[in-house]
Amino acid sequence: MQFLTLSRRRTDAFPAEAFTPELIAQEAQRVKEMYMAGLLRNVWKRGDMPGAAIVWEAAGEAEGKGCCSESTYLQGRNAGTQRDSAA
C-alpha cells in the first residue's frame, strides 16, 4: 500500500532562521536512509512553497503512519512543518 504526504514549512509560525542548513541536512540524510530502507518510494520538492511530496510504502495504514513518524521534518519538530496525508 502506498501513502502520499504533502509537507510545508510553517513559515507563519516559525522564523526563517529556524530552518537552519544543519536541520535541512539532517533531514535530507534521514530521507536518504528511509529511501534505502524501502520506506519511501518517491520524494519531490514542492514548486508552490517550501516542502515536499513523498510517496511512502507500507503494508497498511498503521505502518504508513509509523513511517511518517520516523521523519522529524514531517512530525513538525524543530522547524515547524505541517503534514497533510492521504491513502
N, C-alpha and C. Protein backbone atom coordinates (compact mmCIF):
# COMPACT_ATOMS: atom_id res chain seq x y z
N MET A 1 0.85 -1.17 0.00
CA MET A 1 0.00 0.00 0.00
C MET A 1 0.90 1.24 0.00
N GLN A 2 0.47 2.25 -0.73
CA GLN A 2 1.26 3.48 -0.78
C GLN A 2 0.48 4.63 -0.17
N PHE A 3 1.22 5.55 0.43
CA PHE A 3 0.64 6.72 1.07
C PHE A 3 1.35 7.97 0.55
N LEU A 4 0.59 9.01 0.35
CA LEU A 4 1.14 10.27 -0.12
C LEU A 4 1.05 11.30 1.00
N THR A 5 2.16 11.94 1.30
CA THR A 5 2.14 13.05 2.26
C THR A 5 2.64 14.30 1.56
N LEU A 6 2.04 15.42 1.93
CA LEU A 6 2.46 16.73 1.46
C LEU A 6 2.87 17.52 2.69
N SER A 7 4.08 18.03 2.67
CA SER A 7 4.54 18.82 3.81
C SER A 7 4.82 20.24 3.35
N ARG A 8 4.77 21.15 4.30
CA ARG A 8 5.12 22.53 4.02
C ARG A 8 5.79 23.12 5.24
N ARG A 9 6.63 24.10 5.02
CA ARG A 9 7.25 24.79 6.14
C ARG A 9 6.23 25.73 6.75
N ARG A 10 6.18 25.74 8.07
CA ARG A 10 5.25 26.61 8.79
C ARG A 10 5.89 27.98 8.98
N THR A 11 6.10 28.68 7.88
CA THR A 11 6.73 29.99 7.94
C THR A 11 5.84 31.01 8.65
N ASP A 12 4.57 30.69 8.80
CA ASP A 12 3.66 31.57 9.53
C ASP A 12 3.90 31.49 11.04
N ALA A 13 4.47 30.38 11.50
CA ALA A 13 4.66 30.15 12.93
C ALA A 13 6.13 30.17 13.37
N PHE A 14 7.05 30.03 12.40
CA PHE A 14 8.46 29.95 12.74
C PHE A 14 9.25 30.90 11.83
N PRO A 15 10.25 31.57 12.34
CA PRO A 15 11.05 32.48 11.51
C PRO A 15 11.94 31.70 10.55
N ALA A 16 12.38 32.35 9.51
CA ALA A 16 13.24 31.72 8.51
C ALA A 16 14.51 31.14 9.15
N GLU A 17 14.99 31.78 10.22
CA GLU A 17 16.21 31.31 10.90
C GLU A 17 16.04 29.92 11.51
N ALA A 18 14.80 29.49 11.74
CA ALA A 18 14.56 28.16 12.32
C ALA A 18 14.94 27.05 11.35
N PHE A 19 14.93 27.35 10.07
CA PHE A 19 15.23 26.35 9.05
C PHE A 19 16.71 26.42 8.71
N THR A 20 17.52 25.98 9.64
CA THR A 20 18.98 26.08 9.51
C THR A 20 19.51 25.08 8.48
N PRO A 21 20.64 25.38 7.88
CA PRO A 21 21.25 24.42 6.96
C PRO A 21 21.52 23.07 7.63
N GLU A 22 21.87 23.09 8.91
CA GLU A 22 22.12 21.84 9.64
C GLU A 22 20.86 21.01 9.74
N LEU A 23 19.75 21.65 10.07
CA LEU A 23 18.47 20.93 10.18
C LEU A 23 18.07 20.34 8.84
N ILE A 24 18.21 21.11 7.80
CA ILE A 24 17.84 20.64 6.46
C ILE A 24 18.75 19.49 6.04
N ALA A 25 20.04 19.57 6.34
CA ALA A 25 20.97 18.49 6.00
C ALA A 25 20.65 17.22 6.78
N GLN A 26 20.31 17.36 8.06
CA GLN A 26 19.94 16.19 8.87
C GLN A 26 18.70 15.51 8.31
N GLU A 27 17.73 16.29 7.93
CA GLU A 27 16.51 15.71 7.39
C GLU A 27 16.77 15.06 6.04
N ALA A 28 17.59 15.68 5.20
CA ALA A 28 17.92 15.08 3.91
C ALA A 28 18.62 13.73 4.10
N GLN A 29 19.50 13.65 5.08
CA GLN A 29 20.18 12.39 5.36
C GLN A 29 19.18 11.33 5.82
N ARG A 30 18.25 11.71 6.67
CA ARG A 30 17.25 10.76 7.16
C ARG A 30 16.36 10.28 6.01
N VAL A 31 16.00 11.17 5.09
CA VAL A 31 15.20 10.78 3.94
C VAL A 31 15.96 9.76 3.10
N LYS A 32 17.26 9.97 2.89
CA LYS A 32 18.07 9.01 2.14
C LYS A 32 18.08 7.65 2.82
N GLU A 33 18.20 7.65 4.14
CA GLU A 33 18.21 6.39 4.89
C GLU A 33 16.88 5.66 4.75
N MET A 34 15.77 6.41 4.84
CA MET A 34 14.45 5.79 4.71
C MET A 34 14.22 5.27 3.29
N TYR A 35 14.75 5.98 2.30
CA TYR A 35 14.64 5.51 0.91
C TYR A 35 15.39 4.20 0.74
N MET A 36 16.61 4.14 1.26
CA MET A 36 17.42 2.93 1.14
C MET A 36 16.80 1.75 1.90
N ALA A 37 16.04 2.05 2.95
CA ALA A 37 15.37 1.01 3.72
C ALA A 37 14.05 0.57 3.07
N GLY A 38 13.64 1.27 2.00
CA GLY A 38 12.40 0.90 1.32
C GLY A 38 11.15 1.48 1.92
N LEU A 39 11.30 2.42 2.84
CA LEU A 39 10.12 3.02 3.48
C LEU A 39 9.45 4.07 2.61
N LEU A 40 10.23 4.75 1.79
CA LEU A 40 9.62 5.71 0.89
C LEU A 40 10.08 5.44 -0.53
N ARG A 41 9.19 5.73 -1.46
CA ARG A 41 9.42 5.41 -2.87
C ARG A 41 9.85 6.61 -3.71
N ASN A 42 9.22 7.74 -3.48
CA ASN A 42 9.49 8.94 -4.27
C ASN A 42 9.42 10.16 -3.39
N VAL A 43 10.26 11.13 -3.71
CA VAL A 43 10.25 12.41 -3.00
C VAL A 43 10.35 13.50 -4.05
N TRP A 44 9.47 14.48 -3.96
CA TRP A 44 9.50 15.61 -4.86
C TRP A 44 9.52 16.89 -4.05
N LYS A 45 10.34 17.81 -4.46
CA LYS A 45 10.35 19.14 -3.85
C LYS A 45 9.14 19.89 -4.40
N ARG A 46 8.40 20.54 -3.50
CA ARG A 46 7.23 21.29 -3.94
C ARG A 46 7.65 22.54 -4.71
N GLY A 47 6.90 22.89 -5.72
CA GLY A 47 7.18 24.07 -6.50
C GLY A 47 6.38 25.28 -6.05
N ASP A 48 5.30 25.03 -5.31
CA ASP A 48 4.43 26.13 -4.90
C ASP A 48 4.85 26.77 -3.59
N MET A 49 5.60 26.05 -2.77
CA MET A 49 6.07 26.54 -1.48
C MET A 49 7.15 25.61 -0.97
N PRO A 50 7.94 26.02 0.01
CA PRO A 50 8.94 25.12 0.58
C PRO A 50 8.26 23.90 1.22
N GLY A 51 8.71 22.73 0.87
CA GLY A 51 8.13 21.50 1.40
C GLY A 51 8.39 20.36 0.44
N ALA A 52 7.71 19.23 0.66
CA ALA A 52 7.92 18.05 -0.16
C ALA A 52 6.64 17.24 -0.30
N ALA A 53 6.59 16.48 -1.37
CA ALA A 53 5.57 15.45 -1.57
C ALA A 53 6.31 14.12 -1.52
N ILE A 54 5.83 13.21 -0.70
CA ILE A 54 6.52 11.93 -0.51
C ILE A 54 5.53 10.79 -0.67
N VAL A 55 5.94 9.75 -1.42
CA VAL A 55 5.16 8.52 -1.52
C VAL A 55 5.84 7.49 -0.63
N TRP A 56 5.09 7.02 0.37
CA TRP A 56 5.58 6.03 1.34
C TRP A 56 5.07 4.66 0.95
N GLU A 57 5.81 3.61 1.28
CA GLU A 57 5.42 2.23 1.05
C GLU A 57 5.24 1.55 2.40
N ALA A 58 4.06 0.95 2.60
CA ALA A 58 3.78 0.29 3.88
C ALA A 58 2.74 -0.81 3.67
N ALA A 59 2.69 -1.75 4.58
CA ALA A 59 1.74 -2.86 4.49
C ALA A 59 0.31 -2.41 4.77
N GLY A 60 0.15 -1.38 5.57
CA GLY A 60 -1.18 -0.90 5.92
C GLY A 60 -1.12 0.49 6.51
N GLU A 61 -2.29 1.00 6.92
CA GLU A 61 -2.36 2.37 7.42
C GLU A 61 -1.51 2.59 8.66
N ALA A 62 -1.55 1.65 9.60
CA ALA A 62 -0.78 1.82 10.84
C ALA A 62 0.72 1.90 10.54
N GLU A 63 1.19 1.03 9.65
CA GLU A 63 2.61 1.07 9.30
C GLU A 63 2.94 2.35 8.54
N GLY A 64 2.03 2.80 7.70
CA GLY A 64 2.24 4.05 6.97
C GLY A 64 2.39 5.23 7.90
N LYS A 65 1.53 5.29 8.91
CA LYS A 65 1.64 6.37 9.90
C LYS A 65 2.94 6.25 10.67
N GLY A 66 3.37 5.04 10.94
CA GLY A 66 4.64 4.83 11.63
C GLY A 66 5.82 5.32 10.80
N CYS A 67 5.76 5.09 9.49
CA CYS A 67 6.82 5.58 8.60
C CYS A 67 6.92 7.09 8.69
N CYS A 68 5.77 7.75 8.64
CA CYS A 68 5.77 9.21 8.69
C CYS A 68 6.33 9.71 10.01
N SER A 69 6.07 9.00 11.08
CA SER A 69 6.56 9.45 12.38
C SER A 69 8.07 9.32 12.50
N GLU A 70 8.69 8.57 11.58
CA GLU A 70 10.15 8.44 11.56
C GLU A 70 10.83 9.75 11.19
N SER A 71 10.11 10.61 10.50
CA SER A 71 10.71 11.84 9.99
C SER A 71 10.43 13.01 10.92
N THR A 72 11.47 13.61 11.48
CA THR A 72 11.27 14.78 12.33
C THR A 72 10.69 15.93 11.53
N TYR A 73 11.04 16.03 10.28
CA TYR A 73 10.51 17.08 9.41
C TYR A 73 9.00 16.94 9.29
N LEU A 74 8.54 15.72 9.07
CA LEU A 74 7.11 15.52 8.90
C LEU A 74 6.36 15.54 10.22
N GLN A 75 7.03 15.31 11.31
CA GLN A 75 6.37 15.41 12.61
C GLN A 75 6.16 16.86 13.00
N GLY A 76 6.86 17.76 12.34
CA GLY A 76 6.72 19.16 12.68
C GLY A 76 7.62 19.59 13.82
N ARG A 77 8.60 18.79 14.18
CA ARG A 77 9.54 19.17 15.23
C ARG A 77 10.53 20.17 14.70
N ASN A 78 11.12 20.88 15.58
CA ASN A 78 12.21 21.79 15.28
C ASN A 78 11.84 22.91 14.32
N ALA A 79 11.61 22.59 13.07
CA ALA A 79 11.42 23.63 12.06
C ALA A 79 9.96 23.95 11.82
N GLY A 80 9.06 23.27 12.47
CA GLY A 80 7.66 23.62 12.35
C GLY A 80 7.07 23.37 10.98
N THR A 81 7.03 22.11 10.54
CA THR A 81 6.39 21.78 9.28
C THR A 81 5.02 21.21 9.56
N GLN A 82 4.21 21.21 8.54
CA GLN A 82 2.86 20.66 8.65
C GLN A 82 2.71 19.58 7.60
N ARG A 83 2.02 18.51 7.94
CA ARG A 83 1.83 17.40 7.04
C ARG A 83 0.35 17.21 6.77
N ASP A 84 0.03 16.97 5.51
CA ASP A 84 -1.30 16.56 5.09
C ASP A 84 -1.09 15.22 4.42
N SER A 85 -1.94 14.24 4.69
CA SER A 85 -1.72 12.94 4.09
C SER A 85 -3.02 12.34 3.57
N ALA A 86 -2.86 11.43 2.61
CA ALA A 86 -3.99 10.72 2.03
C ALA A 86 -3.54 9.32 1.70
N ALA A 87 -4.43 8.37 1.83
CA ALA A 87 -4.11 6.97 1.50
C ALA A 87 -4.42 6.73 0.04
